[in-house]
Amino acid sequence: HGHAKAHIVAIDIFTGKKMEDLCPTSHNLEVPFVKRTEWQVCAADPDSGEVSLMQESGEIKEDLNLPTFVKIGEPTDEDKKVVQDLLAGLDSGKDVFAVVQAACGEEKIVSVKVNG
């Protein structure tokens, strides 16, 4: 009883896991800043999980892995489909672009666009 409470239900944008919290409405909450960027895929190694990405500016990014290489838990079906589409696009010689989502100090390839 007493203070009003807010029941918050959220889905983790990296794992798809559902989370719940009950907070007093008088408290402040942190809100994550989510950033989505598109990178061209230069190379991907299905064995090590390493991915080489390039931005339009020519900047190279090599600190991300394929989404099926997860630190915690198991990869989702969506992760597996993203990897399958990414590798198939590269194998066929098409231009492959990875959509990278970043928040709370974490980054992950969340979708793929294949051109050509």
C-alpha atoms as a PDB file:
ATOM      1  CA  HIS A   1       0.000   0.000   0.000  1.00  0.00           C
ATOM      2  CA  GLY A   2       1.026   3.604   0.153  1.00  0.00           C
ATOM      3  CA  HIS A   3       2.863   4.949  -2.869  1.00  0.00           C
ATOM      4  CA  ALA A   4       1.747   4.499  -6.478  1.00  0.00           C
ATOM      5  CA  LYS A   5       3.855   2.016  -8.392  1.00  0.00           C
ATOM      6  CA  ALA A   6       4.582   1.595 -12.095  1.00  0.00           C
ATOM      7  CA  HIS A   7       4.686  -1.925 -13.533  1.00  0.00           C
ATOM      8  CA  ILE A   8       7.258  -1.855 -16.353  1.00  0.00           C
ATOM      9  CA  VAL A   9       7.554  -4.661 -18.896  1.00  0.00           C
ATOM     10  CA  ALA A  10      10.377  -4.566 -21.450  1.00  0.00           C
ATOM     11  CA  ILE A  11      12.008  -6.753 -24.075  1.00  0.00           C
ATOM     12  CA  ASP A  12      15.833  -6.812 -24.158  1.00  0.00           C
ATOM     13  CA  ILE A  13      16.791  -5.494 -27.628  1.00  0.00           C
ATOM     14  CA  PHE A  14      19.860  -7.751 -27.765  1.00  0.00           C
ATOM     15  CA  THR A  15      18.555 -11.066 -26.392  1.00  0.00           C
ATOM     16  CA  GLY A  16      14.780 -10.811 -26.914  1.00  0.00           C
ATOM     17  CA  LYS A  17      14.347 -11.711 -23.216  1.00  0.00           C
ATOM     18  CA  LYS A  18      11.300 -10.278 -21.426  1.00  0.00           C
ATOM     19  CA  MET A  19      11.970  -8.365 -18.194  1.00  0.00           C
ATOM     20  CA  GLU A  20       9.652  -6.843 -15.588  1.00  0.00           C
ATOM     21  CA  ASP A  21      10.115  -4.315 -12.814  1.00  0.00           C
ATOM     22  CA  LEU A  22       7.892  -2.650 -10.236  1.00  0.00           C
ATOM     23  CA  CYS A  23       9.035   0.889  -9.355  1.00  0.00           C
ATOM     24  CA  PRO A  24       7.599   3.680  -7.211  1.00  0.00           C
ATOM     25  CA  THR A  25       6.322   6.442  -9.510  1.00  0.00           C
ATOM     26  CA  SER A  26       8.224   9.001  -7.430  1.00  0.00           C
ATOM     27  CA  HIS A  27      11.589   7.499  -8.540  1.00  0.00           C
ATOM     28  CA  ASN A  28      13.506   8.445 -11.677  1.00  0.00           C
ATOM     29  CA  LEU A  29      14.409   5.785 -14.228  1.00  0.00           C
ATOM     30  CA  GLU A  30      17.284   5.645 -16.684  1.00  0.00           C
ATOM     31  CA  VAL A  31      16.284   5.485 -20.339  1.00  0.00           C
ATOM     32  CA  PRO A  32      18.713   3.895 -22.789  1.00  0.00           C
ATOM     33  CA  PHE A  33      19.751   5.805 -25.895  1.00  0.00           C
ATOM     34  CA  VAL A  34      19.544   3.381 -28.831  1.00  0.00           C
ATOM     35  CA  LYS A  35      21.520   4.103 -31.981  1.00  0.00           C
ATOM     36  CA  ARG A  36      21.108   2.239 -35.305  1.00  0.00           C
ATOM     37  CA  THR A  37      23.772   2.481 -37.989  1.00  0.00           C
ATOM     38  CA  GLU A  38      24.212   0.779 -41.349  1.00  0.00           C
ATOM     39  CA  TRP A  39      27.575  -0.670 -42.375  1.00  0.00           C
ATOM     40  CA  GLN A  40      28.649  -2.476 -45.547  1.00  0.00           C
ATOM     41  CA  VAL A  41      29.851  -6.005 -44.808  1.00  0.00           C
ATOM     42  CA  CYS A  42      33.362  -6.547 -46.214  1.00  0.00           C
ATOM     43  CA  ALA A  43      33.928 -10.046 -44.832  1.00  0.00           C
ATOM     44  CA  ALA A  44      32.486 -12.530 -42.346  1.00  0.00           C
ATOM     45  CA  ASP A  45      34.030 -15.719 -40.979  1.00  0.00           C
ATOM     46  CA  PRO A  46      31.360 -18.317 -40.081  1.00  0.00           C
ATOM     47  CA  ASP A  47      33.914 -20.303 -37.999  1.00  0.00           C
ATOM     48  CA  SER A  48      35.347 -17.540 -35.783  1.00  0.00           C
ATOM     49  CA  GLY A  49      32.284 -15.258 -35.982  1.00  0.00           C
ATOM     50  CA  GLU A  50      34.435 -12.250 -36.888  1.00  0.00           C
ATOM     51  CA  VAL A  51      32.878  -9.609 -39.128  1.00  0.00           C
ATOM     52  CA  SER A  52      34.601  -6.778 -40.996  1.00  0.00           C
ATOM     53  CA  LEU A  53      32.350  -3.762 -41.658  1.00  0.00           C
ATOM     54  CA  MET A  54      32.857  -0.468 -43.495  1.00  0.00           C
ATOM     55  CA  GLN A  55      30.970   2.820 -43.208  1.00  0.00           C
ATOM     56  CA  GLU A  56      30.385   5.161 -46.181  1.00  0.00           C
ATOM     57  CA  SER A  57      33.239   7.326 -44.853  1.00  0.00           C
ATOM     58  CA  GLY A  58      35.617   4.381 -45.310  1.00  0.00           C
ATOM     59  CA  GLU A  59      35.889   3.782 -41.562  1.00  0.00           C
ATOM     60  CA  ILE A  60      36.480   0.077 -40.827  1.00  0.00           C
ATOM     61  CA  LYS A  61      34.900  -1.703 -37.847  1.00  0.00           C
ATOM     62  CA  GLU A  62      36.183  -5.120 -36.791  1.00  0.00           C
ATOM     63  CA  ASP A  63      35.069  -5.447 -33.163  1.00  0.00           C
ATOM     64  CA  LEU A  64      31.692  -7.143 -33.836  1.00  0.00           C
ATOM     65  CA  ASN A  65      30.840 -10.810 -34.238  1.00  0.00           C
ATOM     66  CA  LEU A  66      28.036 -12.572 -36.074  1.00  0.00           C
ATOM     67  CA  PRO A  67      24.843 -12.451 -33.935  1.00  0.00           C
ATOM     68  CA  THR A  68      24.977 -16.244 -33.350  1.00  0.00           C
ATOM     69  CA  PHE A  69      28.199 -15.802 -31.343  1.00  0.00           C
ATOM     70  CA  VAL A  70      26.562 -14.718 -28.061  1.00  0.00           C
ATOM     71  CA  LYS A  71      28.198 -14.094 -24.669  1.00  0.00           C
ATOM     72  CA  ILE A  72      25.149 -15.090 -22.639  1.00  0.00           C
ATOM     73  CA  GLY A  73      22.442 -17.643 -23.398  1.00  0.00           C
ATOM     74  CA  GLU A  74      21.545 -19.013 -26.822  1.00  0.00           C
ATOM     75  CA  PRO A  75      21.186 -17.181 -30.143  1.00  0.00           C
ATOM     76  CA  THR A  76      17.580 -16.498 -31.165  1.00  0.00           C
ATOM     77  CA  ASP A  77      15.985 -17.787 -34.377  1.00  0.00           C
ATOM     78  CA  GLU A  78      16.172 -14.196 -35.661  1.00  0.00           C
ATOM     79  CA  ASP A  79      19.956 -14.169 -34.963  1.00  0.00           C
ATOM     80  CA  LYS A  80      20.330 -17.385 -36.986  1.00  0.00           C
ATOM     81  CA  LYS A  81      18.316 -15.950 -39.906  1.00  0.00           C
ATOM     82  CA  VAL A  82      20.407 -12.737 -39.922  1.00  0.00           C
ATOM     83  CA  VAL A  83      23.637 -14.786 -40.097  1.00  0.00           C
ATOM     84  CA  GLN A  84      22.214 -17.041 -42.823  1.00  0.00           C
ATOM     85  CA  ASP A  85      21.129 -14.028 -44.942  1.00  0.00           C
ATOM     86  CA  LEU A  86      24.448 -12.217 -44.369  1.00  0.00           C
ATOM     87  CA  LEU A  87      26.606 -15.200 -45.377  1.00  0.00           C
ATOM     88  CA  ALA A  88      24.382 -16.092 -48.360  1.00  0.00           C
ATOM     89  CA  GLY A  89      24.560 -12.492 -49.617  1.00  0.00           C
ATOM     90  CA  LEU A  90      28.355 -12.435 -49.337  1.00  0.00           C
ATOM     91  CA  ASP A  91      28.677 -15.864 -51.038  1.00  0.00           C
ATOM     92  CA  SER A  92      26.597 -14.663 -53.998  1.00  0.00           C
ATOM     93  CA  GLY A  93      28.834 -11.595 -54.439  1.00  0.00           C
ATOM     94  CA  LYS A  94      26.095  -9.072 -53.661  1.00  0.00           C
ATOM     95  CA  ASP A  95      26.439  -5.877 -51.603  1.00  0.00           C
ATOM     96  CA  VAL A  96      25.485  -6.751 -48.030  1.00  0.00           C
ATOM     97  CA  PHE A  97      24.678  -4.094 -45.421  1.00  0.00           C
ATOM     98  CA  ALA A  98      24.445  -4.861 -41.695  1.00  0.00           C
ATOM     99  CA  VAL A  99      22.192  -2.813 -39.412  1.00  0.00           C
ATOM    100  CA  VAL A 100      24.012  -2.409 -36.098  1.00  0.00           C
ATOM    101  CA  GLN A 101      22.075  -1.484 -32.970  1.00  0.00           C
ATOM    102  CA  ALA A 102      23.959   0.022 -30.026  1.00  0.00           C
ATOM    103  CA  ALA A 103      22.812   0.812 -26.472  1.00  0.00           C
ATOM    104  CA  CYS A 104      24.161   0.607 -22.919  1.00  0.00           C
ATOM    105  CA  GLY A 105      27.700  -0.122 -24.109  1.00  0.00           C
ATOM    106  CA  GLU A 106      26.623  -3.104 -26.223  1.00  0.00           C
ATOM    107  CA  GLU A 107      26.446  -3.492 -29.996  1.00  0.00           C
ATOM    108  CA  LYS A 108      24.879  -6.152 -32.179  1.00  0.00           C
ATOM    109  CA  ILE A 109      24.068  -6.793 -35.835  1.00  0.00           C
ATOM    110  CA  VAL A 110      20.241  -6.927 -35.784  1.00  0.00           C
ATOM    111  CA  SER A 111      19.358  -7.158 -39.470  1.00  0.00           C
ATOM    112  CA  VAL A 112      20.802  -7.436 -42.954  1.00  0.00           C
ATOM    113  CA  LYS A 113      19.984  -5.764 -46.284  1.00  0.00           C
ATOM    114  CA  VAL A 114      21.200  -7.391 -49.511  1.00  0.00           C
ATOM    115  CA  ASN A 115      21.402  -5.290 -52.695  1.00  0.00           C
ATOM    116  CA  GLY A 116      21.921  -6.486 -56.255  1.00  0.00           C
END
